[in-house]
């Protein structure tokens, strides 16, 4: 169970980082995106 949880955490973190990287690369001028990431 612990291994599954750690894997899920790593996958979620990787997805969030990849999304943030894509947003930075595309350079979206949307304040909502930053607000969502802050929350």
PDB file of N, CA and C in Angstrom:
ATOM      1  N   UNK A   1       0.844  -1.207   0.000  1.00  0.00           N
ATOM      2  CA  UNK A   1       0.000   0.000   0.000  1.00  0.00           C
ATOM      3  C   UNK A   1       0.879   1.255   0.000  1.00  0.00           C
ATOM      4  N   UNK A   2       1.910   1.254   0.829  1.00  0.00           N
ATOM      5  CA  UNK A   2       2.781   2.434   0.904  1.00  0.00           C
ATOM      6  C   UNK A   2       3.471   2.677  -0.439  1.00  0.00           C
ATOM      7  N   UNK A   3       3.886   1.583  -1.078  1.00  0.00           N
ATOM      8  CA  UNK A   3       4.548   1.737  -2.375  1.00  0.00           C
ATOM      9  C   UNK A   3       3.583   2.359  -3.384  1.00  0.00           C
ATOM     10  N   UNK A   4       2.334   1.907  -3.396  1.00  0.00           N
ATOM     11  CA  UNK A   4       1.346   2.460  -4.329  1.00  0.00           C
ATOM     12  C   UNK A   4       1.152   3.950  -4.068  1.00  0.00           C
ATOM     13  N   UNK A   5       1.043   4.314  -2.786  1.00  0.00           N
ATOM     14  CA  UNK A   5       0.847   5.724  -2.449  1.00  0.00           C
ATOM     15  C   UNK A   5       2.020   6.564  -2.935  1.00  0.00           C
ATOM     16  N   UNK A   6       3.232   6.085  -2.729  1.00  0.00           N
ATOM     17  CA  UNK A   6       4.415   6.839  -3.154  1.00  0.00           C
ATOM     18  C   UNK A   6       4.426   6.972  -4.676  1.00  0.00           C
ATOM     19  N   UNK A   7       4.027   5.911  -5.373  1.00  0.00           N
ATOM     20  CA  UNK A   7       3.993   5.961  -6.842  1.00  0.00           C
ATOM     21  C   UNK A   7       2.964   6.992  -7.295  1.00  0.00           C
ATOM     22  N   UNK A   8       1.796   6.983  -6.658  1.00  0.00           N
ATOM     23  CA  UNK A   8       0.754   7.947  -7.023  1.00  0.00           C
ATOM     24  C   UNK A   8       1.251   9.362  -6.767  1.00  0.00           C
ATOM     25  N   UNK A   9       1.933   9.572  -5.635  1.00  0.00           N
ATOM     26  CA  UNK A   9       2.469  10.900  -5.323  1.00  0.00           C
ATOM     27  C   UNK A   9       3.464  11.332  -6.389  1.00  0.00           C
ATOM     28  N   UNK A  10       4.379  10.445  -6.766  1.00  0.00           N
ATOM     29  CA  UNK A  10       5.393  10.781  -7.772  1.00  0.00           C
ATOM     30  C   UNK A  10       4.728  11.110  -9.105  1.00  0.00           C
ATOM     31  N   UNK A  11       3.726  10.324  -9.490  1.00  0.00           N
ATOM     32  CA  UNK A  11       3.035  10.561 -10.765  1.00  0.00           C
ATOM     33  C   UNK A  11       2.321  11.907 -10.736  1.00  0.00           C
ATOM     34  N   UNK A  12       1.637  12.206  -9.633  1.00  0.00           N
ATOM     35  CA  UNK A  12       0.908  13.479  -9.533  1.00  0.00           C
ATOM     36  C   UNK A  12       1.878  14.653  -9.573  1.00  0.00           C
ATOM     37  N   UNK A  13       2.999  14.534  -8.866  1.00  0.00           N
ATOM     38  CA  UNK A  13       4.002  15.610  -8.868  1.00  0.00           C
ATOM     39  C   UNK A  13       4.577  15.779 -10.269  1.00  0.00           C
ATOM     40  N   UNK A  14       4.850  14.672 -10.943  1.00  0.00           N
ATOM     41  CA  UNK A  14       5.395  14.746 -12.305  1.00  0.00           C
ATOM     42  C   UNK A  14       4.394  15.425 -13.238  1.00  0.00           C
ATOM     43  N   UNK A  15       3.105  15.083 -13.096  1.00  0.00           N
ATOM     44  CA  UNK A  15       2.079  15.704 -13.944  1.00  0.00           C
ATOM     45  C   UNK A  15       2.004  17.202 -13.676  1.00  0.00           C
ATOM     46  N   UNK A  16       2.006  17.594 -12.399  1.00  0.00           N
ATOM     47  CA  UNK A  16       1.930  19.021 -12.059  1.00  0.00           C
ATOM     48  C   UNK A  16       3.142  19.766 -12.600  1.00  0.00           C
ATOM     49  N   UNK A  17       4.322  19.186 -12.446  1.00  0.00           N
ATOM     50  CA  UNK A  17       5.542  19.846 -12.930  1.00  0.00           C
ATOM     51  C   UNK A  17       5.522  19.952 -14.451  1.00  0.00           C
ATOM     52  N   UNK A  18       5.046  18.907 -15.127  1.00  0.00           N
ATOM     53  CA  UNK A  18       4.998  18.947 -16.596  1.00  0.00           C
ATOM     54  C   UNK A  18       4.002  20.004 -17.065  1.00  0.00           C
ATOM     55  N   UNK A  19       2.857  20.114 -16.374  1.00  0.00           N
ATOM     56  CA  UNK A  19       1.860  21.130 -16.731  1.00  0.00           C
ATOM     57  C   UNK A  19       2.439  22.521 -16.515  1.00  0.00           C
ATOM     58  N   UNK A  20       3.114  22.720 -15.381  1.00  0.00           N
ATOM     59  CA  UNK A  20       3.722  24.031 -15.104  1.00  0.00           C
ATOM     60  C   UNK A  20       4.781  24.341 -16.156  1.00  0.00           C
ATOM     61  N   UNK A  21       5.569  23.332 -16.543  1.00  0.00           N
ATOM     62  CA  UNK A  21       6.605  23.532 -17.565  1.00  0.00           C
ATOM     63  C   UNK A  21       5.967  23.919 -18.897  1.00  0.00           C
ATOM     64  N   UNK A  22       4.876  23.237 -19.259  1.00  0.00           N
ATOM     65  CA  UNK A  22       4.186  23.561 -20.516  1.00  0.00           C
ATOM     66  C   UNK A  22       3.643  24.986 -20.469  1.00  0.00           C
ATOM     67  N   UNK A  23       3.063  25.373 -19.334  1.00  0.00           N
ATOM     68  CA  UNK A  23       2.534  26.736 -19.204  1.00  0.00           C
ATOM     69  C   UNK A  23       3.655  27.756 -19.352  1.00  0.00           C
ATOM     70  N   UNK A  24       4.808  27.471 -18.754  1.00  0.00           N
ATOM     71  CA  UNK A  24       5.941  28.398 -18.851  1.00  0.00           C
ATOM     72  C   UNK A  24       6.447  28.460 -20.293  1.00  0.00           C
ATOM     73  N   UNK A  25       6.514  27.309 -20.960  1.00  0.00           N
ATOM     74  CA  UNK A  25       6.993  27.280 -22.348  1.00  0.00           C
ATOM     75  C   UNK A  25       6.033  28.040 -23.264  1.00  0.00           C
ATOM     76  N   UNK A  26       4.731  27.800 -23.089  1.00  0.00           N
ATOM     77  CA  UNK A  26       3.735  28.487 -23.923  1.00  0.00           C
ATOM     78  C   UNK A  26       3.560  29.936 -23.489  1.00  0.00           C
ATOM     79  N   UNK A  27       3.916  30.228 -22.218  1.00  0.00           N
ATOM     80  CA  UNK A  27       3.840  31.596 -21.692  1.00  0.00           C
ATOM     81  C   UNK A  27       2.407  32.132 -21.791  1.00  0.00           C
ATOM     82  N   UNK A  28       1.476  31.462 -21.128  1.00  0.00           N
ATOM     83  CA  UNK A  28       0.082  31.904 -21.141  1.00  0.00           C
ATOM     84  C   UNK A  28      -0.089  33.160 -20.289  1.00  0.00           C
ATOM     85  N   UNK A  29      -0.622  34.234 -20.854  1.00  0.00           N
ATOM     86  CA  UNK A  29      -0.879  35.446 -20.060  1.00  0.00           C
ATOM     87  C   UNK A  29      -2.211  35.348 -19.322  1.00  0.00           C
ATOM     88  N   UNK A  30      -2.407  34.249 -18.597  1.00  0.00           N
ATOM     89  CA  UNK A  30      -3.686  34.037 -17.903  1.00  0.00           C
ATOM     90  C   UNK A  30      -3.452  34.062 -16.389  1.00  0.00           C
ATOM     91  N   UNK A  31      -4.019  35.034 -15.665  1.00  0.00           N
ATOM     92  CA  UNK A  31      -3.847  35.094 -14.211  1.00  0.00           C
ATOM     93  C   UNK A  31      -4.561  33.943 -13.500  1.00  0.00           C
ATOM     94  N   UNK A  32      -5.577  33.361 -14.150  1.00  0.00           N
ATOM     95  CA  UNK A  32      -6.311  32.253 -13.521  1.00  0.00           C
ATOM     96  C   UNK A  32      -5.393  31.049 -13.314  1.00  0.00           C
ATOM     97  N   UNK A  33      -4.507  30.791 -14.255  1.00  0.00           N
ATOM     98  CA  UNK A  33      -3.602  29.636 -14.150  1.00  0.00           C
ATOM     99  C   UNK A  33      -2.747  29.763 -12.892  1.00  0.00           C
ATOM    100  N   UNK A  34      -2.173  30.950 -12.665  1.00  0.00           N
ATOM    101  CA  UNK A  34      -1.331  31.144 -11.480  1.00  0.00           C
ATOM    102  C   UNK A  34      -2.175  30.993 -10.211  1.00  0.00           C
ATOM    103  N   UNK A  35      -3.408  31.481 -10.252  1.00  0.00           N
ATOM    104  CA  UNK A  35      -4.284  31.366  -9.081  1.00  0.00           C
ATOM    105  C   UNK A  35      -4.575  29.892  -8.796  1.00  0.00           C
ATOM    106  N   UNK A  36      -4.811  29.109  -9.842  1.00  0.00           N
ATOM    107  CA  UNK A  36      -5.098  27.682  -9.661  1.00  0.00           C
ATOM    108  C   UNK A  36      -3.878  26.977  -9.074  1.00  0.00           C
ATOM    109  N   UNK A  37      -2.678  27.320  -9.590  1.00  0.00           N
ATOM    110  CA  UNK A  37      -1.472  26.658  -9.082  1.00  0.00           C
ATOM    111  C   UNK A  37      -1.223  27.049  -7.628  1.00  0.00           C
ATOM    112  N   UNK A  38      -1.552  28.291  -7.251  1.00  0.00           N
ATOM    113  CA  UNK A  38      -1.349  28.724  -5.862  1.00  0.00           C
ATOM    114  C   UNK A  38      -2.262  27.925  -4.934  1.00  0.00           C
ATOM    115  N   UNK A  39      -3.491  27.651  -5.387  1.00  0.00           N
ATOM    116  CA  UNK A  39      -4.427  26.892  -4.563  1.00  0.00           C
ATOM    117  C   UNK A  39      -4.120  25.408  -4.702  1.00  0.00           C
TER     118      UNK A  39
END
